Amino acid sequence: MPDTTWIAGGKVETTGPSRYDLALHWIKKNRETFIGSLVILVAAVIFAVYFFTHYRGLRDTAWKTLFMAQQIGYGGNIAQAQQQLDTIEKSYGSTTAAPYATLTKGDILYAQEKFKEAEAEYAKVLNNKDLGPFAAYNVGKCKEAAGDLAGAQVQYSDFLAKYPDHFVAPEAHASLARLQEMTGAADLAKATYEKIALLYPETTWAMMARAKATPAKK
């Protein structure tokens, strides 16, 4: 039966069924479909809650393990630290702690003067949004420490091209200038020092660069 509504003048306006009535009618007519959809929706919500809770638990465990591994490694127990870092990469690879574990492995290997192995670890996180700049600069340090001065200069230049505003950039400029000096490219080194003084005028990097760029008076 259609709904009726009284309006001014005592007239009656006939209206169609309400949205609620239509919805109720559809549910009655499609009872099995409605129940099936409801079950799927509830299952999806339960799965989402479980996934979020499970992932958060994995993430927390991964970060705690990373903290312990770093403390153990810095304390001198390198083997155990590396074992725990490997566990994070393998068992908690989907968490945000995993790339930090890889970077830490690189740091530990670098401290052991295993520069090639350290470079390989840093290379794994070059494309990481947060750690990429640190990894890129550290690859240059590894090349330099291993004696590949030409490769290190290329790496530092690449870093500066990609991350010119990163807070590590002044140090990368200084590292590049130092290697240019060491390899006999005095003019390039002087230009790099002048660039440091221009880009970072109020820093200790600029003070060092000005002293390097200005020949000592005899």
C-alpha atoms as a PDB file:
ATOM      1  CA  MET A   1       0.000   0.000   0.000  1.00  0.00           C
ATOM      2  CA  PRO A   2       1.467   3.423  -0.972  1.00  0.00           C
ATOM      3  CA  ASP A   3       2.288   5.944   1.719  1.00  0.00           C
ATOM      4  CA  THR A   4       0.082   9.055   2.063  1.00  0.00           C
ATOM      5  CA  THR A   5       1.073  12.459   3.337  1.00  0.00           C
ATOM      6  CA  TRP A   6      -1.250  15.314   4.409  1.00  0.00           C
ATOM      7  CA  ILE A   7      -0.403  18.675   2.895  1.00  0.00           C
ATOM      8  CA  ALA A   8      -1.807  22.219   3.109  1.00  0.00           C
ATOM      9  CA  GLY A   9      -5.486  22.540   2.108  1.00  0.00           C
ATOM     10  CA  GLY A  10      -6.381  19.114   3.407  1.00  0.00           C
ATOM     11  CA  LYS A  11      -5.286  17.335   0.279  1.00  0.00           C
ATOM     12  CA  VAL A  12      -3.596  14.000   0.312  1.00  0.00           C
ATOM     13  CA  GLU A  13      -0.402  13.383  -1.685  1.00  0.00           C
ATOM     14  CA  THR A  14       0.338   9.807  -2.560  1.00  0.00           C
ATOM     15  CA  THR A  15       3.992   8.766  -2.375  1.00  0.00           C
ATOM     16  CA  GLY A  16       5.843   5.585  -3.223  1.00  0.00           C
ATOM     17  CA  PRO A  17       7.365   3.172  -0.708  1.00  0.00           C
ATOM     18  CA  SER A  18      10.258   4.470   1.418  1.00  0.00           C
ATOM     19  CA  ARG A  19      13.866   3.415   0.868  1.00  0.00           C
ATOM     20  CA  TYR A  20      13.705   1.367   4.033  1.00  0.00           C
ATOM     21  CA  ASP A  21      10.684  -0.538   2.723  1.00  0.00           C
ATOM     22  CA  LEU A  22      12.412  -1.114  -0.601  1.00  0.00           C
ATOM     23  CA  ALA A  23      15.558  -2.367   1.120  1.00  0.00           C
ATOM     24  CA  LEU A  24      13.563  -4.658   3.377  1.00  0.00           C
ATOM     25  CA  HIS A  25      11.641  -6.007   0.407  1.00  0.00           C
ATOM     26  CA  TRP A  26      14.879  -6.701  -1.467  1.00  0.00           C
ATOM     27  CA  ILE A  27      16.373  -8.513   1.537  1.00  0.00           C
ATOM     28  CA  LYS A  28      13.272 -10.702   1.878  1.00  0.00           C
ATOM     29  CA  LYS A  29      13.339 -11.497  -1.816  1.00  0.00           C
ATOM     30  CA  ASN A  30      17.114 -12.133  -1.898  1.00  0.00           C
ATOM     31  CA  ARG A  31      17.604 -13.599   1.550  1.00  0.00           C
ATOM     32  CA  GLU A  32      20.334 -16.076   0.608  1.00  0.00           C
ATOM     33  CA  THR A  33      22.318 -13.478  -1.348  1.00  0.00           C
ATOM     34  CA  PHE A  34      22.100 -11.005   1.529  1.00  0.00           C
ATOM     35  CA  ILE A  35      23.191 -13.536   4.121  1.00  0.00           C
ATOM     36  CA  GLY A  36      26.073 -14.700   1.914  1.00  0.00           C
ATOM     37  CA  SER A  37      27.268 -11.121   1.376  1.00  0.00           C
ATOM     38  CA  LEU A  38      27.022 -10.426   5.089  1.00  0.00           C
ATOM     39  CA  VAL A  39      29.069 -13.515   5.933  1.00  0.00           C
ATOM     40  CA  ILE A  40      31.762 -12.476   3.427  1.00  0.00           C
ATOM     41  CA  LEU A  41      31.853  -8.960   4.861  1.00  0.00           C
ATOM     42  CA  VAL A  42      32.194 -10.216   8.439  1.00  0.00           C
ATOM     43  CA  ALA A  43      34.922 -12.643   7.383  1.00  0.00           C
ATOM     44  CA  ALA A  44      36.804  -9.838   5.621  1.00  0.00           C
ATOM     45  CA  VAL A  45      36.652  -7.664   8.731  1.00  0.00           C
ATOM     46  CA  ILE A  46      37.868 -10.513  10.940  1.00  0.00           C
ATOM     47  CA  PHE A  47      40.739 -11.257   8.536  1.00  0.00           C
ATOM     48  CA  ALA A  48      41.713  -7.569   8.365  1.00  0.00           C
ATOM     49  CA  VAL A  49      41.802  -7.321  12.170  1.00  0.00           C
ATOM     50  CA  TYR A  50      43.832 -10.535  12.425  1.00  0.00           C
ATOM     51  CA  PHE A  51      46.271  -9.423   9.714  1.00  0.00           C
ATOM     52  CA  PHE A  52      46.807  -6.019  11.324  1.00  0.00           C
ATOM     53  CA  THR A  53      47.304  -7.516  14.782  1.00  0.00           C
ATOM     54  CA  HIS A  54      49.606 -10.236  13.442  1.00  0.00           C
ATOM     55  CA  TYR A  55      51.690  -7.790  11.388  1.00  0.00           C
ATOM     56  CA  ARG A  56      52.000  -5.402  14.302  1.00  0.00           C
ATOM     57  CA  GLY A  57      53.253  -8.273  16.438  1.00  0.00           C
ATOM     58  CA  LEU A  58      55.818  -9.249  13.785  1.00  0.00           C
ATOM     59  CA  ARG A  59      56.909  -5.627  13.421  1.00  0.00           C
ATOM     60  CA  ASP A  60      57.388  -5.159  17.167  1.00  0.00           C
ATOM     61  CA  THR A  61      59.342  -8.408  17.455  1.00  0.00           C
ATOM     62  CA  ALA A  62      61.517  -7.474  14.491  1.00  0.00           C
ATOM     63  CA  TRP A  63      62.424  -4.081  15.935  1.00  0.00           C
ATOM     64  CA  LYS A  64      63.186  -5.574  19.348  1.00  0.00           C
ATOM     65  CA  THR A  65      65.422  -8.175  17.702  1.00  0.00           C
ATOM     66  CA  LEU A  66      67.160  -5.454  15.703  1.00  0.00           C
ATOM     67  CA  PHE A  67      67.847  -3.420  18.834  1.00  0.00           C
ATOM     68  CA  MET A  68      69.296  -6.476  20.578  1.00  0.00           C
ATOM     69  CA  ALA A  69      71.418  -7.358  17.551  1.00  0.00           C
ATOM     70  CA  GLN A  70      72.855  -3.846  17.404  1.00  0.00           C
ATOM     71  CA  GLN A  71      73.703  -3.868  21.098  1.00  0.00           C
ATOM     72  CA  ILE A  72      75.298  -7.295  20.811  1.00  0.00           C
ATOM     73  CA  GLY A  73      77.258  -6.287  17.721  1.00  0.00           C
ATOM     74  CA  TYR A  74      78.530  -3.037  19.166  1.00  0.00           C
ATOM     75  CA  GLY A  75      79.437  -5.001  22.284  1.00  0.00           C
ATOM     76  CA  GLY A  76      81.797  -7.149  20.260  1.00  0.00           C
ATOM     77  CA  ASN A  77      79.816 -10.346  19.699  1.00  0.00           C
ATOM     78  CA  ILE A  78      79.790 -10.037  15.913  1.00  0.00           C
ATOM     79  CA  ALA A  79      78.792 -13.607  15.075  1.00  0.00           C
ATOM     80  CA  GLN A  80      75.677 -13.586  17.252  1.00  0.00           C
ATOM     81  CA  ALA A  81      74.692 -10.136  16.004  1.00  0.00           C
ATOM     82  CA  GLN A  82      74.967 -11.224  12.376  1.00  0.00           C
ATOM     83  CA  GLN A  83      72.907 -14.318  13.119  1.00  0.00           C
ATOM     84  CA  GLN A  84      70.101 -12.227  14.564  1.00  0.00           C
ATOM     85  CA  LEU A  85      70.266  -9.761  11.671  1.00  0.00           C
ATOM     86  CA  ASP A  86      69.974 -12.674   9.247  1.00  0.00           C
ATOM     87  CA  THR A  87      66.908 -13.851  11.157  1.00  0.00           C
ATOM     88  CA  ILE A  88      65.263 -10.458  10.782  1.00  0.00           C
ATOM     89  CA  GLU A  89      65.847 -10.458   7.020  1.00  0.00           C
ATOM     90  CA  LYS A  90      64.526 -13.995   6.583  1.00  0.00           C
ATOM     91  CA  SER A  91      61.706 -14.180   9.113  1.00  0.00           C
ATOM     92  CA  TYR A  92      60.587 -10.552   9.224  1.00  0.00           C
ATOM     93  CA  GLY A  93      61.423  -9.452   5.701  1.00  0.00           C
ATOM     94  CA  SER A  94      58.032  -7.784   5.254  1.00  0.00           C
ATOM     95  CA  THR A  95      58.534  -5.442   8.197  1.00  0.00           C
ATOM     96  CA  THR A  96      60.129  -1.998   8.212  1.00  0.00           C
ATOM     97  CA  ALA A  97      62.946  -3.335  10.396  1.00  0.00           C
ATOM     98  CA  ALA A  98      64.369  -5.578   7.656  1.00  0.00           C
ATOM     99  CA  PRO A  99      66.199  -2.900   5.604  1.00  0.00           C
ATOM    100  CA  TYR A 100      67.635  -1.458   8.816  1.00  0.00           C
ATOM    101  CA  ALA A 101      68.977  -4.915   9.622  1.00  0.00           C
ATOM    102  CA  THR A 102      70.664  -5.007   6.215  1.00  0.00           C
ATOM    103  CA  LEU A 103      72.192  -1.572   6.745  1.00  0.00           C
ATOM    104  CA  THR A 104      73.445  -2.659  10.170  1.00  0.00           C
ATOM    105  CA  LYS A 105      75.067  -5.737   8.620  1.00  0.00           C
ATOM    106  CA  GLY A 106      76.891  -3.403   6.264  1.00  0.00           C
ATOM    107  CA  ASP A 107      78.075  -1.247   9.156  1.00  0.00           C
ATOM    108  CA  ILE A 108      79.383  -4.263  11.060  1.00  0.00           C
ATOM    109  CA  LEU A 109      81.213  -5.608   8.014  1.00  0.00           C
ATOM    110  CA  TYR A 110      82.704  -2.173   7.322  1.00  0.00           C
ATOM    111  CA  ALA A 111      83.992  -1.972  10.901  1.00  0.00           C
ATOM    112  CA  GLN A 112      85.646  -5.355  10.314  1.00  0.00           C
ATOM    113  CA  GLU A 113      87.301  -3.912   7.184  1.00  0.00           C
ATOM    114  CA  LYS A 114      85.369  -6.330   4.990  1.00  0.00           C
ATOM    115  CA  PHE A 115      84.676  -3.570   2.512  1.00  0.00           C
ATOM    116  CA  LYS A 116      83.491  -5.638  -0.451  1.00  0.00           C
ATOM    117  CA  GLU A 117      81.033  -7.568   1.704  1.00  0.00           C
ATOM    118  CA  ALA A 118      79.834  -4.347   3.340  1.00  0.00           C
ATOM    119  CA  GLU A 119      79.316  -2.734  -0.059  1.00  0.00           C
ATOM    120  CA  ALA A 120      77.180  -5.699  -1.134  1.00  0.00           C
ATOM    121  CA  GLU A 121      74.921  -5.259   1.907  1.00  0.00           C
ATOM    122  CA  TYR A 122      74.567  -1.503   1.380  1.00  0.00           C
ATOM    123  CA  ALA A 123      73.698  -2.094  -2.279  1.00  0.00           C
ATOM    124  CA  LYS A 124      70.635  -4.103  -1.205  1.00  0.00           C
ATOM    125  CA  VAL A 125      68.952  -1.009   0.246  1.00  0.00           C
ATOM    126  CA  LEU A 126      69.981   1.588  -2.335  1.00  0.00           C
ATOM    127  CA  ASN A 127      66.372   1.933  -3.472  1.00  0.00           C
ATOM    128  CA  ASN A 128      64.916   2.196   0.012  1.00  0.00           C
ATOM    129  CA  LYS A 129      63.154   5.537   0.448  1.00  0.00           C
ATOM    130  CA  ASP A 130      64.562   6.271   3.903  1.00  0.00           C
ATOM    131  CA  LEU A 131      67.879   4.429   3.858  1.00  0.00           C
ATOM    132  CA  GLY A 132      68.864   4.859   0.206  1.00  0.00           C
ATOM    133  CA  PRO A 133      70.911   8.042   0.780  1.00  0.00           C
ATOM    134  CA  PHE A 134      72.913   6.488   3.616  1.00  0.00           C
ATOM    135  CA  ALA A 135      73.478   3.312   1.622  1.00  0.00           C
ATOM    136  CA  ALA A 136      74.601   5.289  -1.443  1.00  0.00           C
ATOM    137  CA  TYR A 137      77.146   7.282   0.529  1.00  0.00           C
ATOM    138  CA  ASN A 138      78.371   4.198   2.368  1.00  0.00           C
ATOM    139  CA  VAL A 139      78.950   2.399  -0.941  1.00  0.00           C
ATOM    140  CA  GLY A 140      81.310   5.245  -1.807  1.00  0.00           C
ATOM    141  CA  LYS A 141      83.095   4.867   1.519  1.00  0.00           C
ATOM    142  CA  CYS A 142      83.510   1.143   0.898  1.00  0.00           C
ATOM    143  CA  LYS A 143      84.995   1.736  -2.544  1.00  0.00           C
ATOM    144  CA  GLU A 144      87.353   4.339  -1.133  1.00  0.00           C
ATOM    145  CA  ALA A 145      88.458   2.104   1.735  1.00  0.00           C
ATOM    146  CA  ALA A 146      89.021  -0.778  -0.689  1.00  0.00           C
ATOM    147  CA  GLY A 147      91.293   1.413  -2.813  1.00  0.00           C
ATOM    148  CA  ASP A 148      88.896   1.999  -5.704  1.00  0.00           C
ATOM    149  CA  LEU A 149      89.344   5.774  -5.696  1.00  0.00           C
ATOM    150  CA  ALA A 150      87.928   6.294  -9.177  1.00  0.00           C
ATOM    151  CA  GLY A 151      84.834   4.249  -8.324  1.00  0.00           C
ATOM    152  CA  ALA A 152      84.424   6.131  -5.043  1.00  0.00           C
ATOM    153  CA  GLN A 153      84.523   9.478  -6.843  1.00  0.00           C
ATOM    154  CA  VAL A 154      81.837   8.310  -9.248  1.00  0.00           C
ATOM    155  CA  GLN A 155      79.730   7.101  -6.333  1.00  0.00           C
ATOM    156  CA  TYR A 156      80.066  10.359  -4.387  1.00  0.00           C
ATOM    157  CA  SER A 157      79.162  12.323  -7.520  1.00  0.00           C
ATOM    158  CA  ASP A 158      76.116  10.118  -8.080  1.00  0.00           C
ATOM    159  CA  PHE A 159      75.076  10.620  -4.465  1.00  0.00           C
ATOM    160  CA  LEU A 160      75.292  14.397  -4.820  1.00  0.00           C
ATOM    161  CA  ALA A 161      73.294  14.305  -8.053  1.00  0.00           C
ATOM    162  CA  LYS A 162      70.509  12.287  -6.420  1.00  0.00           C
ATOM    163  CA  TYR A 163      70.501  13.793  -2.926  1.00  0.00           C
ATOM    164  CA  PRO A 164      71.875  17.356  -3.165  1.00  0.00           C
ATOM    165  CA  ASP A 165      69.842  18.531  -0.163  1.00  0.00           C
ATOM    166  CA  HIS A 166      70.509  15.588   2.134  1.00  0.00           C
ATOM    167  CA  PHE A 167      72.291  16.405   5.375  1.00  0.00           C
ATOM    168  CA  VAL A 168      75.090  14.010   4.397  1.00  0.00           C
ATOM    169  CA  ALA A 169      75.755  16.034   1.221  1.00  0.00           C
ATOM    170  CA  PRO A 170      78.426  18.329   2.779  1.00  0.00           C
ATOM    171  CA  GLU A 171      80.410  15.292   3.896  1.00  0.00           C
ATOM    172  CA  ALA A 172      80.014  13.727   0.445  1.00  0.00           C
ATOM    173  CA  HIS A 173      81.346  16.928  -1.145  1.00  0.00           C
ATOM    174  CA  ALA A 174      84.323  16.877   1.231  1.00  0.00           C
ATOM    175  CA  SER A 175      85.010  13.207   0.498  1.00  0.00           C
ATOM    176  CA  LEU A 176      84.887  13.899  -3.227  1.00  0.00           C
ATOM    177  CA  ALA A 177      87.257  16.878  -2.921  1.00  0.00           C
ATOM    178  CA  ARG A 178      89.698  14.855  -0.818  1.00  0.00           C
ATOM    179  CA  LEU A 179      89.859  12.098  -3.438  1.00  0.00           C
ATOM    180  CA  GLN A 180      90.267  14.643  -6.214  1.00  0.00           C
ATOM    181  CA  GLU A 181      93.274  15.992  -4.341  1.00  0.00           C
ATOM    182  CA  MET A 182      94.662  12.503  -3.791  1.00  0.00           C
ATOM    183  CA  THR A 183      94.394  11.629  -7.475  1.00  0.00           C
ATOM    184  CA  GLY A 184      96.074  14.824  -8.634  1.00  0.00           C
ATOM    185  CA  ALA A 185      92.963  16.662  -9.885  1.00  0.00           C
ATOM    186  CA  ALA A 186      93.843  19.865  -8.047  1.00  0.00           C
ATOM    187  CA  ASP A 187      91.602  22.129 -10.128  1.00  0.00           C
ATOM    188  CA  LEU A 188      88.584  19.870  -9.610  1.00  0.00           C
ATOM    189  CA  ALA A 189      89.312  19.676  -5.882  1.00  0.00           C
ATOM    190  CA  LYS A 190      89.557  23.465  -5.638  1.00  0.00           C
ATOM    191  CA  ALA A 191      86.212  23.848  -7.453  1.00  0.00           C
ATOM    192  CA  THR A 192      84.591  21.330  -5.105  1.00  0.00           C
ATOM    193  CA  TYR A 193      85.910  23.120  -2.007  1.00  0.00           C
ATOM    194  CA  GLU A 194      84.622  26.424  -3.363  1.00  0.00           C
ATOM    195  CA  LYS A 195      81.243  24.811  -3.899  1.00  0.00           C
ATOM    196  CA  ILE A 196      81.185  23.613  -0.297  1.00  0.00           C
ATOM    197  CA  ALA A 197      81.924  27.134   0.946  1.00  0.00           C
ATOM    198  CA  LEU A 198      79.172  28.522  -1.278  1.00  0.00           C
ATOM    199  CA  LEU A 199      76.498  25.954  -0.418  1.00  0.00           C
ATOM    200  CA  TYR A 200      77.153  25.646   3.328  1.00  0.00           C
ATOM    201  CA  PRO A 201      78.568  29.067   4.300  1.00  0.00           C
ATOM    202  CA  GLU A 202      77.861  28.946   8.041  1.00  0.00           C
ATOM    203  CA  THR A 203      79.200  25.471   8.739  1.00  0.00           C
ATOM    204  CA  THR A 204      82.495  23.936   9.790  1.00  0.00           C
ATOM    205  CA  TRP A 205      82.545  22.290   6.361  1.00  0.00           C
ATOM    206  CA  ALA A 206      82.749  25.761   4.798  1.00  0.00           C
ATOM    207  CA  MET A 207      85.587  26.787   7.113  1.00  0.00           C
ATOM    208  CA  MET A 208      87.551  23.700   6.144  1.00  0.00           C
ATOM    209  CA  ALA A 209      86.775  24.203   2.456  1.00  0.00           C
ATOM    210  CA  ARG A 210      87.911  27.851   2.459  1.00  0.00           C
ATOM    211  CA  ALA A 211      91.177  26.858   4.068  1.00  0.00           C
ATOM    212  CA  LYS A 212      91.697  24.156   1.439  1.00  0.00           C
ATOM    213  CA  ALA A 213      90.685  26.346  -1.499  1.00  0.00           C
ATOM    214  CA  THR A 214      92.904  29.263  -0.480  1.00  0.00           C
ATOM    215  CA  PRO A 215      96.621  28.567  -0.886  1.00  0.00           C
ATOM    216  CA  ALA A 216      98.734  29.359   2.149  1.00  0.00           C
ATOM    217  CA  LYS A 217     100.757  32.573   1.825  1.00  0.00           C
ATOM    218  CA  LYS A 218     104.497  32.116   1.886  1.00  0.00           C
END
